[in-house]
Each structure stands twice: as C-alpha cells, then as structure tokens.
Amino acid sequence: HGHSGVRPEIVRNLLTFLERGCISEVPSRGSAGYLTHNAHIALVLIGEGMARVAGRRMNGRQALAEIGLEPLVLGAKEGLSLVNGTACATGLTSIALVRAER
C-alpha cells in the first residue's frame, strides 16, 4: 500500500470520479498553495461539498450516489494526506501543457 497515508479504497474512489465524470467544484481562489483546492476535491469523497456529474450540479452526497459510491469516513492521516501535495498544480500544469501544444 505504500506510505501515502490513504487506503487503496480512496484512490479507487478518486479513479471512479475520473471514469464516471464526477468533477468536484473547486474555487479559483483560496488559501496559499493548494490546500483549499485539494480540500474541495476531498469534500466530495465524504459526501460534502459540490460536484458536477454529466454537467449537472449537485451536492457531494448526490454526486456519490449518481456514480455508485458511498461517502467515506476518513481514518487517521487520510484528511491530511488528501489536502497535502501538488495534485491541483500538477493537473493545472498538465492542462496548460496540452493547450500550449495545440
């Protein structure tokens, strides 16, 4: 399982988000770094926050139900692991790179 601080189930659920078009709503402005942005992505995992599925805006609990998942209860270190890191910066950089290549 590595030492990422999260269960494999969390990674599988995030993969399901991608596969089924569940997009967490993330504000364009927030705290320093990407703490706020990563937290908004994680909120939907626990049935909170807002997301879009198939272009429709809904709360996190509804979004999870729409894609066949249940809200997770986070364990020790998982909340911190989900908000730490550079996932948003990496994603935004990837999008910018693809756009620049076009």
C-alpha atoms as a PDB file:
ATOM      1  CA  HIS A   1       0.000   0.000   0.000  1.00  0.00           C
ATOM      2  CA  GLY A   2       2.970   2.319   0.149  1.00  0.00           C
ATOM      3  CA  HIS A   3       3.212   5.103   2.655  1.00  0.00           C
ATOM      4  CA  SER A   4       0.805   7.623   1.171  1.00  0.00           C
ATOM      5  CA  GLY A   5      -1.382   7.823   4.274  1.00  0.00           C
ATOM      6  CA  VAL A   6      -4.580   6.777   2.471  1.00  0.00           C
ATOM      7  CA  ARG A   7      -6.311   3.433   1.942  1.00  0.00           C
ATOM      8  CA  PRO A   8      -6.447   1.971  -1.568  1.00  0.00           C
ATOM      9  CA  GLU A   9     -10.239   2.497  -1.431  1.00  0.00           C
ATOM     10  CA  ILE A  10      -9.720   6.267  -1.531  1.00  0.00           C
ATOM     11  CA  VAL A  11      -7.551   6.001  -4.621  1.00  0.00           C
ATOM     12  CA  ARG A  12     -10.141   3.717  -6.259  1.00  0.00           C
ATOM     13  CA  ASN A  13     -12.904   6.219  -5.475  1.00  0.00           C
ATOM     14  CA  LEU A  14     -10.901   9.078  -6.998  1.00  0.00           C
ATOM     15  CA  LEU A  15     -10.353   6.916 -10.083  1.00  0.00           C
ATOM     16  CA  THR A  16     -14.117   6.310 -10.229  1.00  0.00           C
ATOM     17  CA  PHE A  17     -14.612  10.101 -10.169  1.00  0.00           C
ATOM     18  CA  LEU A  18     -12.470  10.340 -13.305  1.00  0.00           C
ATOM     19  CA  GLU A  19     -14.032   7.348 -15.051  1.00  0.00           C
ATOM     20  CA  ARG A  20     -17.618   8.474 -14.425  1.00  0.00           C
ATOM     21  CA  GLY A  21     -17.181  12.202 -14.969  1.00  0.00           C
ATOM     22  CA  CYS A  22     -17.650  13.372 -11.380  1.00  0.00           C
ATOM     23  CA  ILE A  23     -15.924  16.734 -11.062  1.00  0.00           C
ATOM     24  CA  SER A  24     -15.591  18.354  -7.641  1.00  0.00           C
ATOM     25  CA  GLU A  25     -16.258  22.085  -7.657  1.00  0.00           C
ATOM     26  CA  VAL A  26     -13.069  23.857  -6.646  1.00  0.00           C
ATOM     27  CA  PRO A  27     -12.894  27.617  -6.060  1.00  0.00           C
ATOM     28  CA  SER A  28     -10.420  29.521  -8.194  1.00  0.00           C
ATOM     29  CA  ARG A  29      -9.242  31.435  -5.135  1.00  0.00           C
ATOM     30  CA  GLY A  30      -8.300  30.146  -1.721  1.00  0.00           C
ATOM     31  CA  SER A  31      -5.515  29.882   0.771  1.00  0.00           C
ATOM     32  CA  ALA A  32      -1.821  29.895  -0.010  1.00  0.00           C
ATOM     33  CA  GLY A  33      -0.796  26.929  -2.089  1.00  0.00           C
ATOM     34  CA  TYR A  34      -3.400  24.336  -2.944  1.00  0.00           C
ATOM     35  CA  LEU A  35      -4.725  23.403   0.495  1.00  0.00           C
ATOM     36  CA  THR A  36      -8.211  24.785  -0.191  1.00  0.00           C
ATOM     37  CA  HIS A  37      -8.339  23.324  -3.686  1.00  0.00           C
ATOM     38  CA  ASN A  38      -7.362  19.821  -2.580  1.00  0.00           C
ATOM     39  CA  ALA A  39      -9.797  20.038   0.345  1.00  0.00           C
ATOM     40  CA  HIS A  40     -12.710  20.758  -2.001  1.00  0.00           C
ATOM     41  CA  ILE A  41     -11.865  17.679  -4.040  1.00  0.00           C
ATOM     42  CA  ALA A  42     -11.725  15.612  -0.840  1.00  0.00           C
ATOM     43  CA  LEU A  43     -15.054  17.004   0.412  1.00  0.00           C
ATOM     44  CA  VAL A  44     -16.975  15.118  -2.253  1.00  0.00           C
ATOM     45  CA  LEU A  45     -15.313  11.854  -1.156  1.00  0.00           C
ATOM     46  CA  ILE A  46     -17.031  12.251   2.223  1.00  0.00           C
ATOM     47  CA  GLY A  47     -20.367  13.362   0.773  1.00  0.00           C
ATOM     48  CA  GLU A  48     -19.872  17.079   1.329  1.00  0.00           C
ATOM     49  CA  GLY A  49     -19.109  19.972  -0.996  1.00  0.00           C
ATOM     50  CA  MET A  50     -20.445  20.324  -4.522  1.00  0.00           C
ATOM     51  CA  ALA A  51     -19.732  18.459  -7.741  1.00  0.00           C
ATOM     52  CA  ARG A  52     -20.858  18.133 -11.331  1.00  0.00           C
ATOM     53  CA  VAL A  53     -21.844  14.816 -12.867  1.00  0.00           C
ATOM     54  CA  ALA A  54     -22.790  14.761 -16.544  1.00  0.00           C
ATOM     55  CA  GLY A  55     -22.870  18.561 -16.434  1.00  0.00           C
ATOM     56  CA  ARG A  56     -25.414  18.685 -13.604  1.00  0.00           C
ATOM     57  CA  ARG A  57     -24.502  20.476 -10.364  1.00  0.00           C
ATOM     58  CA  MET A  58     -25.311  18.591  -7.157  1.00  0.00           C
ATOM     59  CA  ASN A  59     -24.138  18.178  -3.583  1.00  0.00           C
ATOM     60  CA  GLY A  60     -21.420  15.678  -2.750  1.00  0.00           C
ATOM     61  CA  ARG A  61     -23.771  13.027  -1.376  1.00  0.00           C
ATOM     62  CA  GLN A  62     -25.928  13.144  -4.517  1.00  0.00           C
ATOM     63  CA  ALA A  63     -22.849  13.032  -6.750  1.00  0.00           C
ATOM     64  CA  LEU A  64     -21.561   9.929  -4.997  1.00  0.00           C
ATOM     65  CA  ALA A  65     -24.932   8.198  -5.340  1.00  0.00           C
ATOM     66  CA  GLU A  66     -25.056   9.141  -9.030  1.00  0.00           C
ATOM     67  CA  ILE A  67     -21.749   7.352  -9.680  1.00  0.00           C
ATOM     68  CA  GLY A  68     -22.486   4.404  -7.391  1.00  0.00           C
ATOM     69  CA  LEU A  69     -20.320   5.271  -4.386  1.00  0.00           C
ATOM     70  CA  GLU A  70     -20.974   5.784  -0.684  1.00  0.00           C
ATOM     71  CA  PRO A  71     -19.473   8.633   1.373  1.00  0.00           C
ATOM     72  CA  LEU A  72     -16.205   7.624   3.005  1.00  0.00           C
ATOM     73  CA  VAL A  73     -15.321   8.037   6.653  1.00  0.00           C
ATOM     74  CA  LEU A  74     -11.716   9.176   6.732  1.00  0.00           C
ATOM     75  CA  GLY A  75      -9.254   7.449   9.017  1.00  0.00           C
ATOM     76  CA  ALA A  76      -6.122   8.676  10.743  1.00  0.00           C
ATOM     77  CA  LYS A  77      -3.853  10.726   8.473  1.00  0.00           C
ATOM     78  CA  GLU A  78      -6.205  10.478   5.489  1.00  0.00           C
ATOM     79  CA  GLY A  79      -7.590  14.011   5.676  1.00  0.00           C
ATOM     80  CA  LEU A  80      -4.107  15.461   5.897  1.00  0.00           C
ATOM     81  CA  SER A  81      -2.875  13.226   3.086  1.00  0.00           C
ATOM     82  CA  LEU A  82      -5.708  14.365   0.821  1.00  0.00           C
ATOM     83  CA  VAL A  83      -5.041  18.077   1.280  1.00  0.00           C
ATOM     84  CA  ASN A  84      -1.243  17.908   1.169  1.00  0.00           C
ATOM     85  CA  GLY A  85       0.610  17.657  -2.095  1.00  0.00           C
ATOM     86  CA  THR A  86       0.599  19.162  -5.528  1.00  0.00           C
ATOM     87  CA  ALA A  87      -2.270  17.344  -7.230  1.00  0.00           C
ATOM     88  CA  CYS A  88      -4.006  20.559  -8.314  1.00  0.00           C
ATOM     89  CA  ALA A  89      -0.821  22.215  -9.521  1.00  0.00           C
ATOM     90  CA  THR A  90       0.119  19.088 -11.455  1.00  0.00           C
ATOM     91  CA  GLY A  91      -3.330  18.875 -13.040  1.00  0.00           C
ATOM     92  CA  LEU A  92      -3.431  22.548 -13.980  1.00  0.00           C
ATOM     93  CA  THR A  93       0.071  22.319 -15.429  1.00  0.00           C
ATOM     94  CA  SER A  94      -0.955  19.293 -17.498  1.00  0.00           C
ATOM     95  CA  ILE A  95      -3.950  21.156 -18.916  1.00  0.00           C
ATOM     96  CA  ALA A  96      -1.797  24.188 -19.734  1.00  0.00           C
ATOM     97  CA  LEU A  97       0.761  21.963 -21.471  1.00  0.00           C
ATOM     98  CA  VAL A  98      -1.868  20.276 -23.645  1.00  0.00           C
ATOM     99  CA  ARG A  99      -3.356  23.654 -24.577  1.00  0.00           C
ATOM    100  CA  ALA A 100       0.082  25.051 -25.427  1.00  0.00           C
ATOM    101  CA  GLU A 101       0.844  22.074 -27.676  1.00  0.00           C
ATOM    102  CA  ARG A 102      -2.386  22.623 -29.621  1.00  0.00           C
END
